[in-house]
Amino acid sequence: MTLKEKFKEILTAFWINDWEDECEKIADDYAIDFADWVRVCKMKGRGYDFDDVKQLLIIYKEEKDL
């Protein structure tokens, strides 16, 4: 499920009491997965510009189909 789909699912069910906590959990999971992906890319010596975080995020989203 893409990040957008996860948020849509939570936000369309806004009546649940902990929707804010659920959104925070989705964002945390996404951030952790992105950071892990960057770590693995560095370990594998991929030729990305690791100073360009915005470009890394674009590549990550393309590779993960998000």
N, C-alpha and C. Protein backbone atom coordinates (compact mmCIF):
# COMPACT_ATOMS: atom_id res chain seq x y z
N MET A 1 0.85 -1.17 0.00
CA MET A 1 0.00 0.00 0.00
C MET A 1 0.90 1.24 0.00
N THR A 2 0.60 2.20 -0.84
CA THR A 2 1.42 3.40 -0.92
C THR A 2 1.16 4.30 0.29
N LEU A 3 2.07 5.24 0.51
CA LEU A 3 1.93 6.18 1.60
C LEU A 3 0.63 6.97 1.45
N LYS A 4 0.35 7.39 0.25
CA LYS A 4 -0.87 8.16 -0.01
C LYS A 4 -2.11 7.32 0.33
N GLU A 5 -2.10 6.06 -0.04
CA GLU A 5 -3.23 5.18 0.26
C GLU A 5 -3.39 4.96 1.76
N LYS A 6 -2.27 4.84 2.47
CA LYS A 6 -2.33 4.65 3.91
C LYS A 6 -2.96 5.87 4.59
N PHE A 7 -2.51 7.07 4.19
CA PHE A 7 -3.08 8.28 4.78
C PHE A 7 -4.55 8.43 4.40
N LYS A 8 -4.90 8.12 3.17
CA LYS A 8 -6.30 8.22 2.75
C LYS A 8 -7.17 7.30 3.60
N GLU A 9 -6.68 6.11 3.85
CA GLU A 9 -7.42 5.15 4.66
C GLU A 9 -7.66 5.70 6.06
N ILE A 10 -6.63 6.28 6.65
CA ILE A 10 -6.75 6.83 8.00
C ILE A 10 -7.64 8.07 8.00
N LEU A 11 -7.42 8.96 7.04
CA LEU A 11 -8.16 10.21 7.05
C LEU A 11 -9.63 10.04 6.68
N THR A 12 -9.95 9.03 5.89
CA THR A 12 -11.36 8.79 5.59
C THR A 12 -12.05 8.14 6.78
N ALA A 13 -11.29 7.59 7.68
CA ALA A 13 -11.84 7.01 8.90
C ALA A 13 -11.57 7.96 10.07
N PHE A 14 -11.75 9.24 9.86
CA PHE A 14 -11.39 10.26 10.84
C PHE A 14 -12.15 10.12 12.16
N TRP A 15 -13.20 9.37 12.15
CA TRP A 15 -14.01 9.21 13.35
C TRP A 15 -13.33 8.38 14.43
N ILE A 16 -12.24 7.69 14.09
CA ILE A 16 -11.56 6.93 15.13
C ILE A 16 -10.80 7.89 16.03
N ASN A 17 -10.75 7.59 17.29
CA ASN A 17 -10.15 8.49 18.28
C ASN A 17 -8.66 8.71 18.08
N ASP A 18 -7.97 7.71 17.61
CA ASP A 18 -6.52 7.82 17.54
C ASP A 18 -6.00 8.03 16.13
N TRP A 19 -6.76 8.73 15.28
CA TRP A 19 -6.33 8.93 13.90
C TRP A 19 -5.02 9.70 13.84
N GLU A 20 -4.81 10.63 14.78
CA GLU A 20 -3.56 11.39 14.78
C GLU A 20 -2.37 10.47 15.08
N ASP A 21 -2.57 9.57 16.04
CA ASP A 21 -1.51 8.61 16.36
C ASP A 21 -1.23 7.68 15.18
N GLU A 22 -2.29 7.29 14.48
CA GLU A 22 -2.12 6.42 13.31
C GLU A 22 -1.34 7.14 12.21
N CYS A 23 -1.65 8.41 11.98
CA CYS A 23 -0.91 9.19 10.97
C CYS A 23 0.55 9.33 11.36
N GLU A 24 0.80 9.56 12.64
CA GLU A 24 2.17 9.68 13.10
C GLU A 24 2.92 8.36 12.92
N LYS A 25 2.26 7.25 13.18
CA LYS A 25 2.88 5.93 13.00
C LYS A 25 3.23 5.69 11.53
N ILE A 26 2.33 6.06 10.62
CA ILE A 26 2.60 5.90 9.19
C ILE A 26 3.82 6.73 8.79
N ALA A 27 3.86 7.98 9.25
CA ALA A 27 4.98 8.86 8.93
C ALA A 27 6.28 8.32 9.50
N ASP A 28 6.23 7.82 10.74
CA ASP A 28 7.42 7.24 11.36
C ASP A 28 7.92 6.03 10.58
N ASP A 29 7.00 5.14 10.22
CA ASP A 29 7.38 3.94 9.46
C ASP A 29 8.02 4.32 8.13
N TYR A 30 7.45 5.32 7.46
CA TYR A 30 7.96 5.79 6.18
C TYR A 30 9.37 6.36 6.35
N ALA A 31 9.55 7.18 7.38
CA ALA A 31 10.86 7.81 7.62
C ALA A 31 11.92 6.75 7.94
N ILE A 32 11.55 5.78 8.75
CA ILE A 32 12.49 4.72 9.11
C ILE A 32 12.87 3.91 7.88
N ASP A 33 11.90 3.57 7.05
CA ASP A 33 12.18 2.79 5.84
C ASP A 33 13.07 3.58 4.88
N PHE A 34 12.81 4.89 4.75
CA PHE A 34 13.63 5.73 3.89
C PHE A 34 15.08 5.79 4.41
N ALA A 35 15.23 6.00 5.71
CA ALA A 35 16.57 6.07 6.29
C ALA A 35 17.31 4.75 6.10
N ASP A 36 16.61 3.65 6.26
CA ASP A 36 17.24 2.34 6.07
C ASP A 36 17.64 2.14 4.62
N TRP A 37 16.81 2.59 3.70
CA TRP A 37 17.11 2.49 2.27
C TRP A 37 18.38 3.29 1.95
N VAL A 38 18.49 4.49 2.50
CA VAL A 38 19.68 5.32 2.28
C VAL A 38 20.92 4.61 2.83
N ARG A 39 20.80 4.04 4.03
CA ARG A 39 21.91 3.32 4.65
C ARG A 39 22.38 2.18 3.76
N VAL A 40 21.44 1.40 3.24
CA VAL A 40 21.77 0.26 2.39
C VAL A 40 22.41 0.74 1.08
N CYS A 41 21.89 1.82 0.52
CA CYS A 41 22.46 2.36 -0.72
C CYS A 41 23.91 2.79 -0.51
N LYS A 42 24.19 3.40 0.64
CA LYS A 42 25.57 3.80 0.94
C LYS A 42 26.46 2.57 1.10
N MET A 43 25.96 1.56 1.80
CA MET A 43 26.75 0.34 2.00
C MET A 43 27.07 -0.34 0.68
N LYS A 44 26.11 -0.31 -0.25
CA LYS A 44 26.30 -0.95 -1.55
C LYS A 44 27.10 -0.08 -2.51
N GLY A 45 27.41 1.14 -2.09
CA GLY A 45 28.21 2.03 -2.91
C GLY A 45 27.49 2.56 -4.14
N ARG A 46 26.18 2.70 -4.04
CA ARG A 46 25.44 3.24 -5.18
C ARG A 46 25.89 4.67 -5.45
N GLY A 47 25.88 5.06 -6.68
CA GLY A 47 26.41 6.34 -7.10
C GLY A 47 25.47 7.53 -6.94
N TYR A 48 24.64 7.50 -5.93
CA TYR A 48 23.72 8.61 -5.71
C TYR A 48 24.43 9.78 -5.03
N ASP A 49 23.90 10.97 -5.23
CA ASP A 49 24.39 12.15 -4.52
C ASP A 49 23.69 12.18 -3.17
N PHE A 50 24.36 11.71 -2.13
CA PHE A 50 23.74 11.59 -0.82
C PHE A 50 23.55 12.93 -0.11
N ASP A 51 24.05 14.01 -0.71
CA ASP A 51 23.80 15.34 -0.17
C ASP A 51 22.47 15.91 -0.69
N ASP A 52 21.92 15.32 -1.74
CA ASP A 52 20.67 15.78 -2.33
C ASP A 52 19.51 14.90 -1.84
N VAL A 53 19.03 15.21 -0.65
CA VAL A 53 18.01 14.39 0.00
C VAL A 53 16.71 14.38 -0.80
N LYS A 54 16.38 15.51 -1.41
CA LYS A 54 15.15 15.56 -2.20
C LYS A 54 15.21 14.58 -3.38
N GLN A 55 16.35 14.53 -4.06
CA GLN A 55 16.52 13.59 -5.17
C GLN A 55 16.52 12.14 -4.67
N LEU A 56 17.13 11.91 -3.52
CA LEU A 56 17.11 10.57 -2.94
C LEU A 56 15.68 10.13 -2.65
N LEU A 57 14.87 11.04 -2.13
CA LEU A 57 13.47 10.71 -1.84
C LEU A 57 12.71 10.38 -3.11
N ILE A 58 12.97 11.10 -4.19
CA ILE A 58 12.33 10.81 -5.47
C ILE A 58 12.73 9.41 -5.96
N ILE A 59 14.01 9.10 -5.88
CA ILE A 59 14.49 7.78 -6.30
C ILE A 59 13.87 6.69 -5.43
N TYR A 60 13.86 6.92 -4.13
CA TYR A 60 13.28 5.96 -3.18
C TYR A 60 11.83 5.68 -3.53
N LYS A 61 11.05 6.73 -3.75
CA LYS A 61 9.63 6.56 -4.06
C LYS A 61 9.43 5.80 -5.37
N GLU A 62 10.29 6.07 -6.34
CA GLU A 62 10.20 5.35 -7.62
C GLU A 62 10.54 3.86 -7.45
N GLU A 63 11.61 3.60 -6.69
CA GLU A 63 12.02 2.21 -6.49
C GLU A 63 11.00 1.42 -5.67
N LYS A 64 10.36 2.09 -4.70
CA LYS A 64 9.40 1.41 -3.84
C LYS A 64 7.97 1.47 -4.41
N ASP A 65 7.81 2.13 -5.54
CA ASP A 65 6.50 2.25 -6.19
C ASP A 65 5.51 3.00 -5.28
N LEU A 66 5.96 4.08 -4.69
CA LEU A 66 5.09 4.87 -3.78
C LEU A 66 4.53 6.10 -4.47
